[in-house]
Amino acid sequence: MYLVALHTVFRNERRGAAAHGVQPLIPGVKGRSLQAAFRTYAPAAVFIVAAGGVLPRVATEIAQQMGWSNTFVP
């Protein structure tokens, strides 16, 4: 669902900018394709999902080594 919303917003922004003659937000980037946007977005999304899976275990390990209770580091 999120990717559909991302695609819709991207498409509408491109149409609106072209219709009003607005310059792109990033200087030097003209007519950036949706595929290029996904190539930028995908690695970041993978990193965030991976970090979200690892961080709870790391936090628990740090809490155990520091002698903190589990209520301090959930």
N, C-alpha and C. Protein backbone atom coordinates (compact mmCIF):
# COMPACT_ATOMS: atom_id res chain seq x y z
N MET A 1 0.82 -1.18 0.00
CA MET A 1 0.00 0.00 0.00
C MET A 1 0.88 1.27 0.00
N TYR A 2 1.96 1.21 0.77
CA TYR A 2 2.84 2.37 0.84
C TYR A 2 3.47 2.67 -0.51
N LEU A 3 3.88 1.62 -1.22
CA LEU A 3 4.51 1.83 -2.52
C LEU A 3 3.52 2.41 -3.53
N VAL A 4 2.27 2.01 -3.44
CA VAL A 4 1.25 2.58 -4.33
C VAL A 4 1.08 4.07 -4.02
N ALA A 5 1.04 4.41 -2.75
CA ALA A 5 0.92 5.82 -2.36
C ALA A 5 2.15 6.61 -2.81
N LEU A 6 3.34 6.03 -2.66
CA LEU A 6 4.56 6.69 -3.10
C LEU A 6 4.52 6.96 -4.59
N HIS A 7 4.10 5.96 -5.34
CA HIS A 7 4.00 6.11 -6.80
C HIS A 7 3.00 7.19 -7.17
N THR A 8 1.86 7.23 -6.51
CA THR A 8 0.83 8.22 -6.80
C THR A 8 1.32 9.63 -6.50
N VAL A 9 1.95 9.82 -5.37
CA VAL A 9 2.46 11.14 -5.01
C VAL A 9 3.54 11.58 -6.00
N PHE A 10 4.46 10.69 -6.33
CA PHE A 10 5.53 11.00 -7.27
C PHE A 10 4.96 11.41 -8.62
N ARG A 11 3.99 10.65 -9.12
CA ARG A 11 3.38 10.94 -10.42
C ARG A 11 2.66 12.29 -10.41
N ASN A 12 1.90 12.55 -9.35
CA ASN A 12 1.17 13.82 -9.26
C ASN A 12 2.11 15.01 -9.13
N GLU A 13 3.18 14.86 -8.38
CA GLU A 13 4.15 15.95 -8.23
C GLU A 13 4.81 16.25 -9.58
N ARG A 14 5.14 15.22 -10.31
CA ARG A 14 5.75 15.42 -11.62
C ARG A 14 4.82 16.13 -12.58
N ARG A 15 3.56 15.72 -12.59
CA ARG A 15 2.58 16.37 -13.45
C ARG A 15 2.38 17.84 -13.07
N GLY A 16 2.23 18.09 -11.79
CA GLY A 16 2.01 19.45 -11.31
C GLY A 16 3.19 20.35 -11.60
N ALA A 17 4.39 19.85 -11.41
CA ALA A 17 5.58 20.65 -11.66
C ALA A 17 5.70 20.98 -13.15
N ALA A 18 5.42 19.99 -13.99
CA ALA A 18 5.52 20.22 -15.44
C ALA A 18 4.45 21.20 -15.91
N ALA A 19 3.26 21.11 -15.34
CA ALA A 19 2.17 21.98 -15.76
C ALA A 19 2.42 23.44 -15.37
N HIS A 20 3.11 23.64 -14.24
CA HIS A 20 3.33 25.00 -13.76
C HIS A 20 4.74 25.52 -14.05
N GLY A 21 5.55 24.72 -14.71
CA GLY A 21 6.90 25.15 -15.06
C GLY A 21 7.81 25.31 -13.86
N VAL A 22 7.57 24.52 -12.80
CA VAL A 22 8.35 24.61 -11.58
C VAL A 22 9.66 23.85 -11.75
N GLN A 23 10.74 24.39 -11.22
CA GLN A 23 12.04 23.74 -11.27
C GLN A 23 12.07 22.60 -10.25
N PRO A 24 12.85 21.55 -10.49
CA PRO A 24 12.95 20.46 -9.53
C PRO A 24 13.56 20.93 -8.22
N LEU A 25 13.23 20.21 -7.12
CA LEU A 25 13.73 20.58 -5.81
C LEU A 25 15.24 20.36 -5.69
N ILE A 26 15.74 19.36 -6.36
CA ILE A 26 17.17 19.06 -6.32
C ILE A 26 17.81 19.65 -7.56
N PRO A 27 18.70 20.63 -7.39
CA PRO A 27 19.32 21.24 -8.57
C PRO A 27 20.10 20.21 -9.38
N GLY A 28 20.00 20.29 -10.67
CA GLY A 28 20.72 19.38 -11.54
C GLY A 28 19.97 18.10 -11.84
N VAL A 29 18.88 17.85 -11.14
CA VAL A 29 18.08 16.65 -11.38
C VAL A 29 16.85 17.07 -12.18
N LYS A 30 16.82 16.66 -13.41
CA LYS A 30 15.72 17.06 -14.27
C LYS A 30 15.02 15.81 -14.78
N GLY A 31 13.74 15.70 -14.57
CA GLY A 31 12.98 14.58 -15.06
C GLY A 31 13.41 13.25 -14.47
N ARG A 32 13.66 13.21 -13.20
CA ARG A 32 14.10 11.98 -12.55
C ARG A 32 12.99 10.94 -12.67
N SER A 33 13.36 9.74 -13.07
CA SER A 33 12.36 8.71 -13.30
C SER A 33 11.95 8.05 -11.99
N LEU A 34 10.81 7.40 -12.04
CA LEU A 34 10.33 6.68 -10.87
C LEU A 34 11.27 5.51 -10.54
N GLN A 35 11.82 4.90 -11.55
CA GLN A 35 12.76 3.80 -11.32
C GLN A 35 14.01 4.29 -10.60
N ALA A 36 14.48 5.47 -10.94
CA ALA A 36 15.64 6.03 -10.24
C ALA A 36 15.30 6.33 -8.79
N ALA A 37 14.09 6.80 -8.54
CA ALA A 37 13.66 7.06 -7.16
C ALA A 37 13.60 5.76 -6.37
N PHE A 38 13.10 4.69 -6.97
CA PHE A 38 13.05 3.41 -6.28
C PHE A 38 14.44 2.85 -6.04
N ARG A 39 15.37 3.08 -6.97
CA ARG A 39 16.75 2.61 -6.76
C ARG A 39 17.38 3.33 -5.57
N THR A 40 16.99 4.55 -5.33
CA THR A 40 17.48 5.29 -4.17
C THR A 40 16.77 4.84 -2.90
N TYR A 41 15.48 4.62 -3.00
CA TYR A 41 14.65 4.28 -1.84
C TYR A 41 14.90 2.86 -1.35
N ALA A 42 15.03 1.91 -2.26
CA ALA A 42 15.11 0.49 -1.90
C ALA A 42 16.25 0.16 -0.94
N PRO A 43 17.49 0.60 -1.21
CA PRO A 43 18.56 0.27 -0.26
C PRO A 43 18.32 0.88 1.13
N ALA A 44 17.79 2.07 1.17
CA ALA A 44 17.50 2.68 2.46
C ALA A 44 16.43 1.90 3.21
N ALA A 45 15.40 1.45 2.49
CA ALA A 45 14.33 0.67 3.11
C ALA A 45 14.86 -0.65 3.64
N VAL A 46 15.72 -1.31 2.88
CA VAL A 46 16.30 -2.59 3.31
C VAL A 46 17.15 -2.37 4.57
N PHE A 47 17.93 -1.32 4.58
CA PHE A 47 18.76 -1.02 5.75
C PHE A 47 17.91 -0.78 7.00
N ILE A 48 16.83 -0.03 6.86
CA ILE A 48 15.97 0.29 8.00
C ILE A 48 15.30 -0.97 8.53
N VAL A 49 14.81 -1.83 7.63
CA VAL A 49 14.17 -3.07 8.06
C VAL A 49 15.19 -3.97 8.76
N ALA A 50 16.39 -4.08 8.22
CA ALA A 50 17.43 -4.90 8.84
C ALA A 50 17.81 -4.35 10.21
N ALA A 51 17.98 -3.04 10.30
CA ALA A 51 18.33 -2.43 11.59
C ALA A 51 17.21 -2.64 12.61
N GLY A 52 15.96 -2.57 12.16
CA GLY A 52 14.84 -2.79 13.07
C GLY A 52 14.81 -4.20 13.62
N GLY A 53 15.33 -5.16 12.87
CA GLY A 53 15.38 -6.52 13.36
C GLY A 53 16.55 -6.78 14.30
N VAL A 54 17.63 -6.04 14.12
CA VAL A 54 18.84 -6.27 14.91
C VAL A 54 18.85 -5.46 16.21
N LEU A 55 18.35 -4.26 16.18
CA LEU A 55 18.47 -3.36 17.34
C LEU A 55 17.87 -3.89 18.64
N PRO A 56 16.71 -4.55 18.63
CA PRO A 56 16.21 -5.07 19.91
C PRO A 56 17.15 -6.08 20.56
N ARG A 57 17.76 -6.95 19.75
CA ARG A 57 18.70 -7.93 20.32
C ARG A 57 19.95 -7.23 20.86
N VAL A 58 20.43 -6.23 20.14
CA VAL A 58 21.61 -5.49 20.59
C VAL A 58 21.29 -4.75 21.89
N ALA A 59 20.13 -4.14 21.97
CA ALA A 59 19.75 -3.41 23.19
C ALA A 59 19.63 -4.36 24.38
N THR A 60 19.08 -5.54 24.16
CA THR A 60 18.96 -6.52 25.24
C THR A 60 20.34 -6.98 25.70
N GLU A 61 21.24 -7.21 24.77
CA GLU A 61 22.60 -7.64 25.12
C GLU A 61 23.33 -6.54 25.90
N ILE A 62 23.18 -5.31 25.47
CA ILE A 62 23.82 -4.18 26.19
C ILE A 62 23.25 -4.09 27.60
N ALA A 63 21.93 -4.22 27.73
CA ALA A 63 21.30 -4.15 29.05
C ALA A 63 21.81 -5.25 29.97
N GLN A 64 21.98 -6.47 29.44
CA GLN A 64 22.48 -7.57 30.27
C GLN A 64 23.92 -7.33 30.69
N GLN A 65 24.76 -6.87 29.78
CA GLN A 65 26.16 -6.64 30.11
C GLN A 65 26.34 -5.48 31.09
N MET A 66 25.45 -4.49 31.01
CA MET A 66 25.55 -3.33 31.91
C MET A 66 24.86 -3.59 33.24
N GLY A 67 24.11 -4.69 33.32
CA GLY A 67 23.40 -4.99 34.56
C GLY A 67 22.12 -4.20 34.73
N TRP A 68 21.57 -3.70 33.65
CA TRP A 68 20.33 -2.95 33.70
C TRP A 68 19.14 -3.90 33.65
N SER A 69 18.01 -3.44 34.18
CA SER A 69 16.82 -4.28 34.13
C SER A 69 16.19 -4.18 32.73
N ASN A 70 15.35 -5.14 32.42
CA ASN A 70 14.68 -5.14 31.10
C ASN A 70 13.67 -4.00 30.99
N THR A 71 13.24 -3.42 32.08
CA THR A 71 12.31 -2.30 31.99
C THR A 71 13.04 -1.04 31.55
N PHE A 72 14.35 -0.97 31.80
CA PHE A 72 15.12 0.20 31.37
C PHE A 72 15.37 0.18 29.88
N VAL A 73 15.64 -0.99 29.33
CA VAL A 73 15.87 -1.16 27.90
C VAL A 73 14.89 -2.23 27.42
N PRO A 74 13.75 -1.82 26.89
CA PRO A 74 12.73 -2.81 26.49
C PRO A 74 13.13 -3.58 25.27
